Amino acid sequence: MRQKKQNKVFRILAIVTLVFLIILVRAFENQLFNDPLLEFFKKDFSSLSLPDVSNYAYFIVLFFRYAINTVLSLGIIYFVFNEIELVKLSLVLYLLFFALLIIGFFTVANISYENQKWHLFYIRRFIIQPIFLLLFVAGFYYQKRGLR
């Protein structure tokens, strides 16, 4: 009984720590990532032209940020559900979504059209923010409740 309670306390502390680390990534994004679009999207960007961005360098920035969020998110998923199979499934989904999002991002970035900036804004948002964590935790929770 005592061991089970200690395990639960440890899991809660681990989840809180990982969430705190995600918050720190967001809080220190200007210092951690050389992202020219951070300031661009904080302004009224609809009337501004996109800043010049090296595709290779920006890919590295996006990959690094996505990787950090993915590792922290996988940790949260593990400690919430305590199932390695869900972590494996999540990892596959994270990799698949990264490939799709990064291809979409650079395709949109290199083609000029009317709503280009808004599309970049939202695609980039999925890459740099841990939105999939919220979707996966909710989805896995719903799935587990439905199986009972």
Foldseek 3Di string as FASTA:
>chain_A
DVVVVVLLVVLVVLLVVLVVVLVVCVVCVVVPAPDPCPVCVVDPNLPPDDDDDDLVNVVVRLVVLLVSLLVSLLSNVCSVVVDVVLSVVSVVVSVVLVVVLSVVLVVLVPDDDNCSVVVNVVSSCVSRHNPVSVVSVVVVVVVVVVVD
